Amino acid sequence: MSPKNAKVVAREIADALGEKEFRTYKTIEGVIKHAGIDLARALLEQTLEIEKNGGMLTLERDRRRSPGGVFFHLAKGQLPLEQRREIFHNRPPRKQPEPPIPTENATIKTNEGTTTALTTPEIAAETKTTLPPEIVEKLAILERSAAIMRKKIATLEASGQPAGQTMTRRLLASTEQQIAEIKKRYT
């Protein structure tokens, strides 16, 4: 198959899915190049059928997948591991801004009570030593991440949604362990 044919079919599929982002188009093109036009068109038909019947929820079950998300979910389920890696792990990362380091204590209310995420100056004071700036920054980011995860868990619990709680709790435990290890190392 010529690269020109892959580009044309990728554009047709992206248009049929209502996907406008260049990254999405390039990933569809990757599916075509690695798995073939026939499979890509079969995935499109399956996606349109799923959309016609109400769509597909995300793993967290908190929202519907976009048509492109359904297409890629189906592709990941039907392609061998090596092809999935080639298509989905070689994509350029999305440009996301770095989360700001908190400058004030962030208070998060959870079912267990109120949690205060420490800011950079408090982290340095709490460890009773002068920390290298990169460690202070890392601790601030970890503390902020933990606070966000606690908030997400509280939201999931309040809404009665069990999906996502287990994984978020695991991530929170891992983050808290990293924080404890860094504090232990520098105290």
C-alpha atoms as a PDB file:
ATOM      1  CA  MET A   1       0.000   0.000   0.000  1.00  0.00           C
ATOM      2  CA  SER A   2       1.365   3.390  -0.880  1.00  0.00           C
ATOM      3  CA  PRO A   3       1.757   6.064   1.805  1.00  0.00           C
ATOM      4  CA  LYS A   4      -0.591   8.235  -0.246  1.00  0.00           C
ATOM      5  CA  ASN A   5      -3.382   5.630   0.028  1.00  0.00           C
ATOM      6  CA  ALA A   6      -2.843   5.367   3.799  1.00  0.00           C
ATOM      7  CA  LYS A   7      -3.128   9.145   4.136  1.00  0.00           C
ATOM      8  CA  VAL A   8      -6.319   9.284   2.070  1.00  0.00           C
ATOM      9  CA  VAL A   9      -7.984   6.451   4.003  1.00  0.00           C
ATOM     10  CA  ALA A  10      -6.822   7.931   7.326  1.00  0.00           C
ATOM     11  CA  ARG A  11      -8.442  11.237   6.387  1.00  0.00           C
ATOM     12  CA  GLU A  12     -11.676   9.443   5.383  1.00  0.00           C
ATOM     13  CA  ILE A  13     -11.780   7.564   8.703  1.00  0.00           C
ATOM     14  CA  ALA A  14     -10.944  10.672  10.751  1.00  0.00           C
ATOM     15  CA  ASP A  15     -13.702  12.584   8.969  1.00  0.00           C
ATOM     16  CA  ALA A  16     -16.209   9.739   9.503  1.00  0.00           C
ATOM     17  CA  LEU A  17     -15.333   9.757  13.226  1.00  0.00           C
ATOM     18  CA  GLY A  18     -15.564  13.547  13.422  1.00  0.00           C
ATOM     19  CA  GLU A  19     -11.955  13.759  14.609  1.00  0.00           C
ATOM     20  CA  LYS A  20     -10.152  16.976  13.713  1.00  0.00           C
ATOM     21  CA  GLU A  21      -6.883  16.752  15.671  1.00  0.00           C
ATOM     22  CA  PHE A  22      -3.719  16.089  13.693  1.00  0.00           C
ATOM     23  CA  ARG A  23      -2.443  13.622  16.334  1.00  0.00           C
ATOM     24  CA  THR A  24      -5.603  11.547  15.970  1.00  0.00           C
ATOM     25  CA  TYR A  25      -5.272  11.530  12.192  1.00  0.00           C
ATOM     26  CA  LYS A  26      -1.611  10.418  12.456  1.00  0.00           C
ATOM     27  CA  THR A  27      -2.546   7.614  14.844  1.00  0.00           C
ATOM     28  CA  ILE A  28      -5.269   6.406  12.469  1.00  0.00           C
ATOM     29  CA  GLU A  29      -2.668   6.503   9.718  1.00  0.00           C
ATOM     30  CA  GLY A  30      -0.417   4.373  11.957  1.00  0.00           C
ATOM     31  CA  VAL A  31      -3.193   1.792  12.380  1.00  0.00           C
ATOM     32  CA  ILE A  32      -3.546   1.627   8.595  1.00  0.00           C
ATOM     33  CA  LYS A  33       0.211   1.330   7.978  1.00  0.00           C
ATOM     34  CA  HIS A  34       0.688  -1.415  10.582  1.00  0.00           C
ATOM     35  CA  ALA A  35      -2.597  -3.323  10.345  1.00  0.00           C
ATOM     36  CA  GLY A  36      -3.877  -2.578   6.852  1.00  0.00           C
ATOM     37  CA  ILE A  37      -6.758  -0.751   5.244  1.00  0.00           C
ATOM     38  CA  ASP A  38      -9.174  -3.662   5.614  1.00  0.00           C
ATOM     39  CA  LEU A  39      -8.780  -3.866   9.388  1.00  0.00           C
ATOM     40  CA  ALA A  40      -8.975  -0.071   9.721  1.00  0.00           C
ATOM     41  CA  ARG A  41     -12.231  -0.012   7.779  1.00  0.00           C
ATOM     42  CA  ALA A  42     -13.580  -2.922   9.842  1.00  0.00           C
ATOM     43  CA  LEU A  43     -12.704  -1.002  13.010  1.00  0.00           C
ATOM     44  CA  LEU A  44     -14.522   2.036  11.602  1.00  0.00           C
ATOM     45  CA  GLU A  45     -17.642  -0.063  10.929  1.00  0.00           C
ATOM     46  CA  GLN A  46     -17.519  -1.499  14.476  1.00  0.00           C
ATOM     47  CA  THR A  47     -17.065   1.990  15.910  1.00  0.00           C
ATOM     48  CA  LEU A  48     -20.000   3.426  13.978  1.00  0.00           C
ATOM     49  CA  GLU A  49     -22.177   0.487  15.095  1.00  0.00           C
ATOM     50  CA  ILE A  50     -21.197   1.074  18.747  1.00  0.00           C
ATOM     51  CA  GLU A  51     -21.912   4.794  18.376  1.00  0.00           C
ATOM     52  CA  LYS A  52     -25.280   4.016  16.785  1.00  0.00           C
ATOM     53  CA  ASN A  53     -26.131   1.899  19.843  1.00  0.00           C
ATOM     54  CA  GLY A  54     -25.280   4.523  22.439  1.00  0.00           C
ATOM     55  CA  GLY A  55     -21.484   4.604  22.452  1.00  0.00           C
ATOM     56  CA  MET A  56     -18.931   3.206  24.859  1.00  0.00           C
ATOM     57  CA  LEU A  57     -17.986   4.417  28.336  1.00  0.00           C
ATOM     58  CA  THR A  58     -14.421   4.936  29.524  1.00  0.00           C
ATOM     59  CA  LEU A  59     -12.923   2.459  31.996  1.00  0.00           C
ATOM     60  CA  GLU A  60     -13.869   4.818  34.851  1.00  0.00           C
ATOM     61  CA  ARG A  61     -17.431   4.775  33.502  1.00  0.00           C
ATOM     62  CA  ASP A  62     -17.678   8.511  34.122  1.00  0.00           C
ATOM     63  CA  ARG A  63     -18.049   9.630  30.509  1.00  0.00           C
ATOM     64  CA  ARG A  64     -18.506   8.377  26.964  1.00  0.00           C
ATOM     65  CA  ARG A  65     -15.520   7.778  24.762  1.00  0.00           C
ATOM     66  CA  SER A  66     -15.242   9.936  21.690  1.00  0.00           C
ATOM     67  CA  PRO A  67     -15.736   8.072  18.414  1.00  0.00           C
ATOM     68  CA  GLY A  68     -11.950   8.205  17.939  1.00  0.00           C
ATOM     69  CA  GLY A  69     -11.506   6.816  21.442  1.00  0.00           C
ATOM     70  CA  VAL A  70     -13.816   3.908  20.595  1.00  0.00           C
ATOM     71  CA  PHE A  71     -11.866   3.285  17.370  1.00  0.00           C
ATOM     72  CA  PHE A  72      -8.521   3.208  19.216  1.00  0.00           C
ATOM     73  CA  HIS A  73      -9.926   1.065  22.044  1.00  0.00           C
ATOM     74  CA  LEU A  74     -11.116  -1.485  19.501  1.00  0.00           C
ATOM     75  CA  ALA A  75      -7.784  -1.328  17.663  1.00  0.00           C
ATOM     76  CA  LYS A  76      -5.847  -1.967  20.881  1.00  0.00           C
ATOM     77  CA  GLY A  77      -8.083  -4.954  21.588  1.00  0.00           C
ATOM     78  CA  GLN A  78      -7.607  -6.515  18.165  1.00  0.00           C
ATOM     79  CA  LEU A  79      -3.966  -5.838  17.353  1.00  0.00           C
ATOM     80  CA  PRO A  80      -0.987  -7.894  18.510  1.00  0.00           C
ATOM     81  CA  LEU A  81       1.154  -6.347  21.244  1.00  0.00           C
ATOM     82  CA  GLU A  82       4.022  -5.439  18.930  1.00  0.00           C
ATOM     83  CA  GLN A  83       1.743  -3.542  16.543  1.00  0.00           C
ATOM     84  CA  ARG A  84       0.055  -1.742  19.468  1.00  0.00           C
ATOM     85  CA  ARG A  85       3.469  -0.636  20.695  1.00  0.00           C
ATOM     86  CA  GLU A  86       4.460   0.638  17.263  1.00  0.00           C
ATOM     87  CA  ILE A  87       1.237   2.572  16.808  1.00  0.00           C
ATOM     88  CA  PHE A  88       0.432   3.907  20.258  1.00  0.00           C
ATOM     89  CA  HIS A  89       3.781   4.210  22.024  1.00  0.00           C
ATOM     90  CA  ASN A  90       5.669   6.082  19.328  1.00  0.00           C
ATOM     91  CA  ARG A  91       3.259   9.017  19.285  1.00  0.00           C
ATOM     92  CA  PRO A  92       4.641  12.405  20.185  1.00  0.00           C
ATOM     93  CA  PRO A  93       3.518  13.361  23.685  1.00  0.00           C
ATOM     94  CA  ARG A  94       0.810  15.929  24.120  1.00  0.00           C
ATOM     95  CA  LYS A  95       2.087  19.296  25.143  1.00  0.00           C
ATOM     96  CA  GLN A  96       0.720  19.757  28.616  1.00  0.00           C
ATOM     97  CA  PRO A  97       1.709  22.553  30.899  1.00  0.00           C
ATOM     98  CA  GLU A  98       3.582  21.629  34.045  1.00  0.00           C
ATOM     99  CA  PRO A  99       1.273  21.758  37.037  1.00  0.00           C
ATOM    100  CA  PRO A 100       2.061  24.810  39.124  1.00  0.00           C
ATOM    101  CA  ILE A 101       3.822  24.243  42.396  1.00  0.00           C
ATOM    102  CA  PRO A 102       1.495  25.402  45.147  1.00  0.00           C
ATOM    103  CA  THR A 103       2.496  28.590  46.895  1.00  0.00           C
ATOM    104  CA  GLU A 104      -0.056  28.260  49.673  1.00  0.00           C
ATOM    105  CA  ASN A 105      -1.297  25.276  51.601  1.00  0.00           C
ATOM    106  CA  ALA A 106      -3.975  23.512  49.602  1.00  0.00           C
ATOM    107  CA  THR A 107      -6.741  22.162  51.844  1.00  0.00           C
ATOM    108  CA  ILE A 108      -8.634  19.164  50.568  1.00  0.00           C
ATOM    109  CA  LYS A 109     -11.731  17.876  52.363  1.00  0.00           C
ATOM    110  CA  THR A 110     -12.062  14.106  52.360  1.00  0.00           C
ATOM    111  CA  ASN A 111     -14.355  11.649  54.131  1.00  0.00           C
ATOM    112  CA  GLU A 112     -11.571  11.051  56.662  1.00  0.00           C
ATOM    113  CA  GLY A 113     -11.274  14.753  57.484  1.00  0.00           C
ATOM    114  CA  THR A 114      -9.354  17.700  56.127  1.00  0.00           C
ATOM    115  CA  THR A 115      -5.947  17.218  54.558  1.00  0.00           C
ATOM    116  CA  THR A 116      -3.463  20.014  54.014  1.00  0.00           C
ATOM    117  CA  ALA A 117      -0.954  19.609  51.229  1.00  0.00           C
ATOM    118  CA  LEU A 118       2.333  21.209  52.177  1.00  0.00           C
ATOM    119  CA  THR A 119       3.848  23.910  50.051  1.00  0.00           C
ATOM    120  CA  THR A 120       7.513  24.253  49.207  1.00  0.00           C
ATOM    121  CA  PRO A 121       8.556  26.336  52.278  1.00  0.00           C
ATOM    122  CA  GLU A 122       6.681  24.017  54.655  1.00  0.00           C
ATOM    123  CA  ILE A 123       8.329  20.957  53.137  1.00  0.00           C
ATOM    124  CA  ALA A 124      11.768  22.368  53.755  1.00  0.00           C
ATOM    125  CA  ALA A 125      10.813  23.413  57.309  1.00  0.00           C
ATOM    126  CA  GLU A 126       9.208  20.050  58.068  1.00  0.00           C
ATOM    127  CA  THR A 127      12.309  18.092  57.125  1.00  0.00           C
ATOM    128  CA  LYS A 128      14.430  20.253  59.496  1.00  0.00           C
ATOM    129  CA  THR A 129      17.210  20.466  56.984  1.00  0.00           C
ATOM    130  CA  THR A 130      18.102  22.399  53.904  1.00  0.00           C
ATOM    131  CA  LEU A 131      16.973  20.400  50.931  1.00  0.00           C
ATOM    132  CA  PRO A 132      18.352  20.709  47.434  1.00  0.00           C
ATOM    133  CA  PRO A 133      15.921  22.790  45.342  1.00  0.00           C
ATOM    134  CA  GLU A 134      15.127  19.890  43.009  1.00  0.00           C
ATOM    135  CA  ILE A 135      14.090  17.735  45.998  1.00  0.00           C
ATOM    136  CA  VAL A 136      11.901  20.520  47.399  1.00  0.00           C
ATOM    137  CA  GLU A 137      10.259  20.849  43.988  1.00  0.00           C
ATOM    138  CA  LYS A 138       9.778  17.085  43.672  1.00  0.00           C
ATOM    139  CA  LEU A 139       8.189  16.908  47.125  1.00  0.00           C
ATOM    140  CA  ALA A 140       5.863  19.788  46.276  1.00  0.00           C
ATOM    141  CA  ILE A 141       4.736  18.052  43.096  1.00  0.00           C
ATOM    142  CA  LEU A 142       4.243  14.740  44.916  1.00  0.00           C
ATOM    143  CA  GLU A 143       2.258  16.456  47.694  1.00  0.00           C
ATOM    144  CA  ARG A 144       0.074  18.201  45.154  1.00  0.00           C
ATOM    145  CA  SER A 145      -0.491  14.942  43.267  1.00  0.00           C
ATOM    146  CA  ALA A 146      -1.448  13.179  46.501  1.00  0.00           C
ATOM    147  CA  ALA A 147      -3.920  15.959  47.344  1.00  0.00           C
ATOM    148  CA  ILE A 148      -5.503  15.676  43.892  1.00  0.00           C
ATOM    149  CA  MET A 149      -5.798  11.891  44.253  1.00  0.00           C
ATOM    150  CA  ARG A 150      -7.406  12.247  47.700  1.00  0.00           C
ATOM    151  CA  LYS A 151      -9.923  14.647  46.191  1.00  0.00           C
ATOM    152  CA  LYS A 152     -10.656  12.249  43.328  1.00  0.00           C
ATOM    153  CA  ILE A 153     -11.178   9.351  45.759  1.00  0.00           C
ATOM    154  CA  ALA A 154     -13.552  11.476  47.844  1.00  0.00           C
ATOM    155  CA  THR A 155     -15.483  12.468  44.726  1.00  0.00           C
ATOM    156  CA  LEU A 156     -15.735   8.850  43.555  1.00  0.00           C
ATOM    157  CA  GLU A 157     -16.867   7.696  47.002  1.00  0.00           C
ATOM    158  CA  ALA A 158     -19.460  10.473  47.267  1.00  0.00           C
ATOM    159  CA  SER A 159     -20.909   9.611  43.870  1.00  0.00           C
ATOM    160  CA  GLY A 160     -20.986   5.891  44.664  1.00  0.00           C
ATOM    161  CA  GLN A 161     -18.774   4.988  41.727  1.00  0.00           C
ATOM    162  CA  PRO A 162     -16.468   2.092  42.622  1.00  0.00           C
ATOM    163  CA  ALA A 163     -14.737   2.179  39.238  1.00  0.00           C
ATOM    164  CA  GLY A 164     -11.431   3.984  39.463  1.00  0.00           C
ATOM    165  CA  GLN A 165     -11.229   3.991  43.267  1.00  0.00           C
ATOM    166  CA  THR A 166      -8.927   0.985  43.558  1.00  0.00           C
ATOM    167  CA  MET A 167      -6.394   2.256  41.046  1.00  0.00           C
ATOM    168  CA  THR A 168      -6.476   5.776  42.463  1.00  0.00           C
ATOM    169  CA  ARG A 169      -5.916   4.384  45.978  1.00  0.00           C
ATOM    170  CA  ARG A 170      -2.930   2.393  44.691  1.00  0.00           C
ATOM    171  CA  LEU A 171      -1.482   5.466  43.013  1.00  0.00           C
ATOM    172  CA  LEU A 172      -2.046   7.492  46.189  1.00  0.00           C
ATOM    173  CA  ALA A 173      -0.317   4.839  48.317  1.00  0.00           C
ATOM    174  CA  SER A 174       2.634   4.786  45.913  1.00  0.00           C
ATOM    175  CA  THR A 175       2.864   8.591  45.931  1.00  0.00           C
ATOM    176  CA  GLU A 176       2.660   8.737  49.728  1.00  0.00           C
ATOM    177  CA  GLN A 177       5.389   6.077  49.931  1.00  0.00           C
ATOM    178  CA  GLN A 178       7.634   8.172  47.667  1.00  0.00           C
ATOM    179  CA  ILE A 179       7.025  11.222  49.865  1.00  0.00           C
ATOM    180  CA  ALA A 180       7.835   9.256  53.026  1.00  0.00           C
ATOM    181  CA  GLU A 181      11.026   7.825  51.503  1.00  0.00           C
ATOM    182  CA  ILE A 182      12.270  11.264  50.443  1.00  0.00           C
ATOM    183  CA  LYS A 183      11.466  12.783  53.847  1.00  0.00           C
ATOM    184  CA  LYS A 184      13.165   9.876  55.616  1.00  0.00           C
ATOM    185  CA  ARG A 185      16.262  10.257  53.463  1.00  0.00           C
ATOM    186  CA  TYR A 186      16.593  13.974  54.250  1.00  0.00           C
ATOM    187  CA  THR A 187      15.641  14.061  57.943  1.00  0.00           C
END
